[in-house]
């Protein structure tokens, strides 16, 4: 009996979970498929002919600077000694056997939509080591330009999911503590830096008194000037700026991104549910402000075609008093 998982074959198992015998069986199946049955290529061709829809994947990365303790959120230890268990109590979710912190009663009703990874650990015990933005040790040697953050890597590998939306948008507020900030595109260059709508005003993303035909003329002139500059530019700066120019033209000829950033277009009841915040007030000078509207904007950006959105929220670098600190941020 052919078994792709080789449940009865424990000898010679490879690092990917298959044994050598299993791989030979799979290879034999592929050969049989090529001879007249179903091989992997024929399955893929069948999916293509059936018009199987490919949905683009998107990511919203919420960076809780400093990191709230996982054992007080999604991996509680109620049976552990008191000094390890912490002050928070677990509550049941709508998934049997899955418990989370009592501070998340609404989230508990959506347990079937969560994937909780409890085995993830850091490889450094240092305070600021291996930040989540790129997962690289800042104390080790870096390549020229530095390591790129993961949104820039997605931009480089996949590009834009929609012509009127950049692949990577950052809603992160600057933190006075340097390691809490995004590292940028690194050696990938400026063309893969995140688009930051909090810099220029949203009014810059719509046409004011300029027709699409006039904009096309300006774009043609800009290309002519840039070609001359490129001829004498030995760096990669112009190549990177080309991508920004194309994105800017796409944004100007479509209001989709500008509308995503405009919460007046959203249902007022939905805006009220997310709550309000002040971007100029932080819980701590080193942390980020508490702006729940960023979560709503991130959702709208994903709906507009952005692949990766990053945002930061408050400060969670607690060295004690997790009960009081957690309730203050809740």
Protein backbone atom coordinates (compact mmCIF):
# COMPACT_ATOMS: atom_id res chain seq x y z
CA UNK A 1 0.00 0.00 0.00
CA UNK A 2 1.35 3.38 -0.98
CA UNK A 3 1.49 5.91 1.85
CA UNK A 4 2.78 9.41 1.20
CA UNK A 5 3.34 9.91 4.91
CA UNK A 6 4.93 6.48 5.37
CA UNK A 7 3.33 5.79 8.73
CA UNK A 8 4.76 2.24 8.87
CA UNK A 9 8.23 3.06 7.61
CA UNK A 10 10.47 4.57 10.28
CA UNK A 11 13.86 3.70 8.82
CA UNK A 12 15.94 6.09 6.78
CA UNK A 13 13.63 9.02 7.42
CA UNK A 14 14.79 12.27 5.83
CA UNK A 15 14.74 15.68 7.48
CA UNK A 16 11.55 16.64 5.63
CA UNK A 17 9.58 13.78 7.19
CA UNK A 18 9.71 11.36 4.23
CA UNK A 19 11.76 8.18 4.15
CA UNK A 20 13.85 7.26 1.13
CA UNK A 21 11.41 4.44 0.36
CA UNK A 22 8.50 6.89 0.43
CA UNK A 23 10.25 9.21 -2.00
CA UNK A 24 10.88 6.29 -4.35
CA UNK A 25 7.20 5.36 -4.14
CA UNK A 26 6.17 8.93 -4.87
CA UNK A 27 8.56 9.03 -7.81
CA UNK A 28 7.07 5.80 -9.14
CA UNK A 29 3.59 7.28 -8.85
CA UNK A 30 4.71 10.33 -10.82
CA UNK A 31 6.15 8.12 -13.54
CA UNK A 32 2.90 6.14 -13.71
CA UNK A 33 1.01 9.39 -13.98
CA UNK A 34 3.19 10.52 -16.86
CA UNK A 35 2.43 7.25 -18.62
CA UNK A 36 -1.28 7.92 -18.63
CA UNK A 37 -2.53 8.67 -15.12
CA UNK A 38 -2.45 11.75 -12.90
CA UNK A 39 0.95 13.31 -12.36
CA UNK A 40 1.60 16.58 -10.53
CA UNK A 41 1.98 18.55 -13.79
CA UNK A 42 -1.30 17.13 -15.10
CA UNK A 43 -3.04 18.06 -11.85
CA UNK A 44 -1.70 21.60 -12.10
CA UNK A 45 -2.82 21.81 -15.73
CA UNK A 46 -6.29 20.64 -14.72
CA UNK A 47 -6.49 23.32 -12.04
CA UNK A 48 -5.37 25.94 -14.55
CA UNK A 49 -7.95 24.85 -17.14
CA UNK A 50 -10.65 24.88 -14.46
CA UNK A 51 -9.81 28.49 -13.71
CA UNK A 52 -8.82 27.85 -10.10
CA UNK A 53 -8.67 31.26 -8.46
CA UNK A 54 -5.44 32.31 -6.78
CA UNK A 55 -6.06 34.64 -3.88
CA UNK A 56 -3.18 36.97 -3.02
CA UNK A 57 -1.98 36.60 0.55
CA UNK A 58 -1.65 39.67 2.78
CA UNK A 59 -0.09 40.34 6.17
CA UNK A 60 -0.80 42.88 8.92
CA UNK A 61 2.09 42.84 11.37
CA UNK A 62 1.25 44.50 14.71
CA UNK A 63 4.47 45.26 16.56
CA UNK A 64 4.00 45.48 20.33
CA UNK A 65 7.31 47.11 21.17
CA UNK A 66 9.04 45.44 24.08
CA UNK A 67 6.78 42.40 23.81
CA UNK A 68 3.99 41.52 26.27
CA UNK A 69 4.67 38.20 28.04
CA UNK A 70 3.25 35.29 26.09
CA UNK A 71 2.62 33.32 29.30
CA UNK A 72 0.12 36.03 30.26
CA UNK A 73 -1.63 36.10 26.88
CA UNK A 74 -1.88 32.88 24.86
CA UNK A 75 0.21 30.35 26.77
CA UNK A 76 -0.95 30.61 30.36
CA UNK A 77 0.34 28.12 32.93
CA UNK A 78 -2.46 27.84 35.52
CA UNK A 79 -1.03 24.64 37.00
CA UNK A 80 2.46 26.10 37.46
CA UNK A 81 3.70 27.53 40.77
CA UNK A 82 2.31 30.99 41.49
CA UNK A 83 5.59 32.78 40.78
CA UNK A 84 5.51 31.38 37.23
CA UNK A 85 1.77 31.27 36.56
CA UNK A 86 1.28 35.04 36.76
CA UNK A 87 -1.77 37.03 37.89
CA UNK A 88 -3.99 36.42 34.85
CA UNK A 89 -6.52 33.60 34.61
CA UNK A 90 -7.28 31.54 31.49
CA UNK A 91 -10.71 31.49 29.87
CA UNK A 92 -12.13 29.04 27.36
CA UNK A 93 -12.44 29.89 23.68
CA UNK A 94 -14.95 28.57 21.17
CA UNK A 95 -12.41 25.84 20.36
CA UNK A 96 -12.45 22.95 22.85
CA UNK A 97 -9.18 22.75 24.77
CA UNK A 98 -7.93 26.18 23.68
CA UNK A 99 -7.63 28.77 26.44
CA UNK A 100 -6.39 32.35 26.36
CA UNK A 101 -6.09 35.24 28.80
CA UNK A 102 -9.17 36.56 30.59
CA UNK A 103 -8.34 40.01 29.16
CA UNK A 104 -9.50 38.82 25.70
CA UNK A 105 -13.18 37.82 26.07
CA UNK A 106 -14.10 38.93 22.54
CA UNK A 107 -11.07 37.21 21.04
CA UNK A 108 -12.10 34.04 22.86
CA UNK A 109 -15.23 33.91 20.70
CA UNK A 110 -13.04 33.77 17.58
CA UNK A 111 -10.63 31.01 18.59
CA UNK A 112 -11.46 29.06 15.44
CA UNK A 113 -9.91 31.88 13.42
CA UNK A 114 -6.62 31.91 15.34
CA UNK A 115 -3.39 30.02 14.84
CA UNK A 116 -1.51 30.16 18.13
CA UNK A 117 2.16 29.19 17.95
CA UNK A 118 3.42 28.42 21.44
CA UNK A 119 6.77 26.91 20.48
CA UNK A 120 8.36 30.08 19.05
CA UNK A 121 11.36 31.22 21.08
CA UNK A 122 14.14 33.74 20.56
CA UNK A 123 17.73 32.64 20.10
CA UNK A 124 19.05 35.60 22.09
CA UNK A 125 18.43 36.63 25.67
CA UNK A 126 19.45 40.21 24.94
CA UNK A 127 17.02 43.09 25.43
CA UNK A 128 16.84 44.29 21.82
CA UNK A 129 18.19 41.28 19.93
CA UNK A 130 16.60 39.93 16.76
CA UNK A 131 13.71 42.37 16.43
CA UNK A 132 10.66 40.98 14.68
CA UNK A 133 10.99 43.34 11.72
CA UNK A 134 13.78 41.26 10.16
CA UNK A 135 14.81 38.64 12.72
CA UNK A 136 18.52 39.47 12.47
CA UNK A 137 20.97 39.94 15.31
CA UNK A 138 21.92 43.64 15.27
CA UNK A 139 25.27 42.90 16.89
CA UNK A 140 26.49 40.61 14.14
CA UNK A 141 28.12 41.85 10.90
CA UNK A 142 25.69 43.27 8.36
CA UNK A 143 25.87 43.35 4.56
CA UNK A 144 26.35 46.67 2.83
CA UNK A 145 23.15 48.64 3.30
CA UNK A 146 21.95 46.46 6.17
CA UNK A 147 19.39 43.66 6.39
CA UNK A 148 15.96 44.41 4.88
CA UNK A 149 12.78 44.12 6.90
CA UNK A 150 10.35 41.43 5.85
CA UNK A 151 7.91 43.81 4.14
CA UNK A 152 10.73 44.94 1.86
CA UNK A 153 11.55 41.30 1.13
CA UNK A 154 7.94 40.66 0.13
CA UNK A 155 8.07 43.75 -2.08
CA UNK A 156 11.21 42.42 -3.77
CA UNK A 157 9.93 38.87 -4.30
CA UNK A 158 6.23 39.42 -5.05
CA UNK A 159 5.86 43.09 -5.96
CA UNK A 160 2.48 44.79 -5.95
CA UNK A 161 -0.75 42.83 -5.81
CA UNK A 162 -2.59 45.75 -7.44
CA UNK A 163 -1.25 48.43 -9.80
CA UNK A 164 -2.80 51.19 -7.70
CA UNK A 165 -1.34 50.06 -4.36
CA UNK A 166 2.24 49.74 -3.13
CA UNK A 167 3.25 46.28 -1.92
CA UNK A 168 4.39 47.50 1.50
CA UNK A 169 2.93 50.23 3.72
CA UNK A 170 4.20 51.24 7.15
CA UNK A 171 1.92 52.86 9.71
CA UNK A 172 4.61 52.68 12.41
CA UNK A 173 5.21 55.74 14.55
CA UNK A 174 8.84 56.62 15.34
CA UNK A 175 10.18 55.57 18.74
CA UNK A 176 12.94 57.39 20.59
CA UNK A 177 14.50 54.02 21.41
CA UNK A 178 16.32 53.22 18.17
CA UNK A 179 16.01 49.40 18.11
CA UNK A 180 12.22 49.69 18.30
CA UNK A 181 12.13 51.35 14.86
CA UNK A 182 11.93 49.68 11.47
CA UNK A 183 15.32 48.94 9.87
CA UNK A 184 14.19 49.88 6.35
CA UNK A 185 14.81 48.12 3.03
CA UNK A 186 18.50 47.47 3.69
CA UNK A 187 20.52 46.18 0.77
CA UNK A 188 17.36 45.84 -1.37
CA UNK A 189 17.41 49.61 -1.93
CA UNK A 190 14.96 52.47 -1.84
CA UNK A 191 12.54 50.92 -4.32
CA UNK A 192 11.51 48.42 -1.63
CA UNK A 193 11.21 50.89 1.25
CA UNK A 194 7.76 51.04 2.85
CA UNK A 195 5.30 53.65 1.69
CA UNK A 196 4.60 55.92 4.67
CA UNK A 197 1.28 57.79 4.39
CA UNK A 198 1.91 59.61 7.67
CA UNK A 199 4.65 61.67 6.01
CA UNK A 200 3.15 63.72 3.15
CA UNK A 201 -0.48 64.66 3.57
CA UNK A 202 -3.18 62.53 1.99
CA UNK A 203 -4.02 65.45 -0.29
CA UNK A 204 -0.79 64.76 -2.17
CA UNK A 205 -2.26 61.46 -3.38
CA UNK A 206 -5.10 62.97 -5.40
CA UNK A 207 -5.05 65.10 -8.53
CA UNK A 208 -5.88 68.75 -7.95
CA UNK A 209 -6.77 70.56 -11.18
CA UNK A 210 -4.67 68.21 -13.35
CA UNK A 211 -6.32 66.02 -15.97
CA UNK A 212 -5.15 62.46 -16.66
CA UNK A 213 -3.95 63.57 -20.12
CA UNK A 214 -1.87 66.38 -18.61
CA UNK A 215 -0.45 63.95 -16.07
CA UNK A 216 0.57 61.58 -18.89
CA UNK A 217 2.45 64.41 -20.61
CA UNK A 218 4.30 65.21 -17.39
CA UNK A 219 5.16 61.54 -16.92
CA UNK A 220 6.62 61.38 -20.43
CA UNK A 221 8.72 64.48 -19.78
CA UNK A 222 9.90 63.06 -16.46
CA UNK A 223 11.04 59.85 -18.16
CA UNK A 224 13.07 61.83 -20.68
CA UNK A 225 14.83 63.81 -17.94
CA UNK A 226 15.42 60.70 -15.86
CA UNK A 227 16.98 58.87 -18.82
CA UNK A 228 19.54 61.65 -19.14
CA UNK A 229 20.28 61.50 -15.41
CA UNK A 230 20.57 57.73 -15.54
CA UNK A 231 23.21 57.93 -18.22
CA UNK A 232 25.48 59.80 -15.84
CA UNK A 233 24.42 58.10 -12.60
CA UNK A 234 26.67 55.20 -11.63
CA UNK A 235 24.60 54.29 -8.55
CA UNK A 236 21.34 52.38 -8.27
CA UNK A 237 19.45 55.41 -6.95
CA UNK A 238 17.66 56.19 -10.20
CA UNK A 239 16.61 52.57 -10.65
CA UNK A 240 15.04 52.65 -7.21
CA UNK A 241 13.34 55.96 -7.84
CA UNK A 242 11.77 54.57 -11.03
CA UNK A 243 9.69 52.21 -8.91
CA UNK A 244 8.59 55.06 -6.67
CA UNK A 245 7.63 57.12 -9.72
CA UNK A 246 5.51 54.32 -11.16
CA UNK A 247 3.81 53.82 -7.81
CA UNK A 248 3.18 57.55 -7.46
CA UNK A 249 1.61 57.69 -10.93
CA UNK A 250 -0.60 54.74 -10.07
CA UNK A 251 -1.70 56.40 -6.85
CA UNK A 252 -2.48 59.68 -8.55
CA UNK A 253 -4.60 58.06 -11.26
CA UNK A 254 -6.62 56.06 -8.73
CA UNK A 255 -8.27 57.20 -5.51
CA UNK A 256 -8.30 53.68 -4.05
CA UNK A 257 -5.37 54.13 -1.67
CA UNK A 258 -6.36 57.65 -0.63
CA UNK A 259 -9.86 56.41 0.17
CA UNK A 260 -8.41 53.54 2.22
CA UNK A 261 -6.57 56.10 4.36
CA UNK A 262 -9.68 58.28 4.75
CA UNK A 263 -11.68 56.95 7.70
CA UNK A 264 -14.55 59.31 6.87
CA UNK A 265 -15.37 56.76 4.15
CA UNK A 266 -15.84 54.06 6.80
CA UNK A 267 -19.06 53.29 8.67
CA UNK A 268 -19.03 55.54 11.79
CA UNK A 269 -20.17 52.60 13.91
CA UNK A 270 -17.11 50.61 12.81
CA UNK A 271 -14.80 53.54 13.54
CA UNK A 272 -16.33 53.85 17.01
CA UNK A 273 -15.76 50.16 17.70
CA UNK A 274 -12.04 50.52 17.02
CA UNK A 275 -11.81 53.55 19.31
CA UNK A 276 -9.79 56.73 19.13
CA UNK A 277 -6.22 57.61 19.98
CA UNK A 278 -3.76 60.47 19.95
CA UNK A 279 -0.61 59.91 17.85
CA UNK A 280 1.16 62.65 19.82
CA UNK A 281 0.78 60.93 23.19
CA UNK A 282 2.78 57.81 24.10
CA UNK A 283 2.50 55.71 27.23
CA UNK A 284 6.28 55.93 27.45
CA UNK A 285 8.85 58.10 25.67
CA UNK A 286 10.53 55.00 24.22
CA UNK A 287 7.34 53.40 22.94
CA UNK A 288 4.72 54.08 20.31
CA UNK A 289 1.43 55.94 20.82
CA UNK A 290 -1.78 53.99 21.29
CA UNK A 291 -3.68 54.64 18.06
CA UNK A 292 -6.29 51.91 17.48
CA UNK A 293 -7.35 53.67 14.27
CA UNK A 294 -4.15 52.27 12.74
CA UNK A 295 -5.69 48.79 12.97
CA UNK A 296 -8.71 49.93 10.97
CA UNK A 297 -6.55 51.73 8.40
CA UNK A 298 -4.43 48.58 8.05
CA UNK A 299 -7.52 46.51 7.27
CA UNK A 300 -8.66 49.04 4.67
CA UNK A 301 -5.19 49.10 3.07
CA UNK A 302 -5.23 45.31 2.70
CA UNK A 303 -8.66 45.56 1.07
CA UNK A 304 -7.18 48.15 -1.32
CA UNK A 305 -4.53 45.66 -2.48
CA UNK A 306 -1.52 46.25 -0.21
CA UNK A 307 0.42 43.05 0.54
CA UNK A 308 2.12 43.97 3.84
CA UNK A 309 1.13 46.56 6.44
CA UNK A 310 3.17 47.11 9.59
CA UNK A 311 2.07 49.13 12.61
CA UNK A 312 3.20 49.57 16.20
CA UNK A 313 1.13 50.07 19.33
CA UNK A 314 2.05 51.29 22.81
CA UNK A 315 4.98 49.92 24.84
CA UNK A 316 5.14 46.52 26.50
CA UNK A 317 8.65 46.44 27.93
CA UNK A 318 7.60 45.53 31.45
CA UNK A 319 10.04 44.55 34.15
CA UNK A 320 7.33 43.97 36.74
CA UNK A 321 3.75 44.81 37.61
CA UNK A 322 2.33 42.88 34.65
CA UNK A 323 -1.16 42.94 36.13
CA UNK A 324 -1.37 46.74 36.36
CA UNK A 325 0.56 47.34 33.13
CA UNK A 326 -1.56 44.88 31.20
CA UNK A 327 -4.83 46.35 32.40
CA UNK A 328 -3.60 49.85 31.52
CA UNK A 329 -2.92 48.73 27.94
CA UNK A 330 -6.04 46.61 27.64
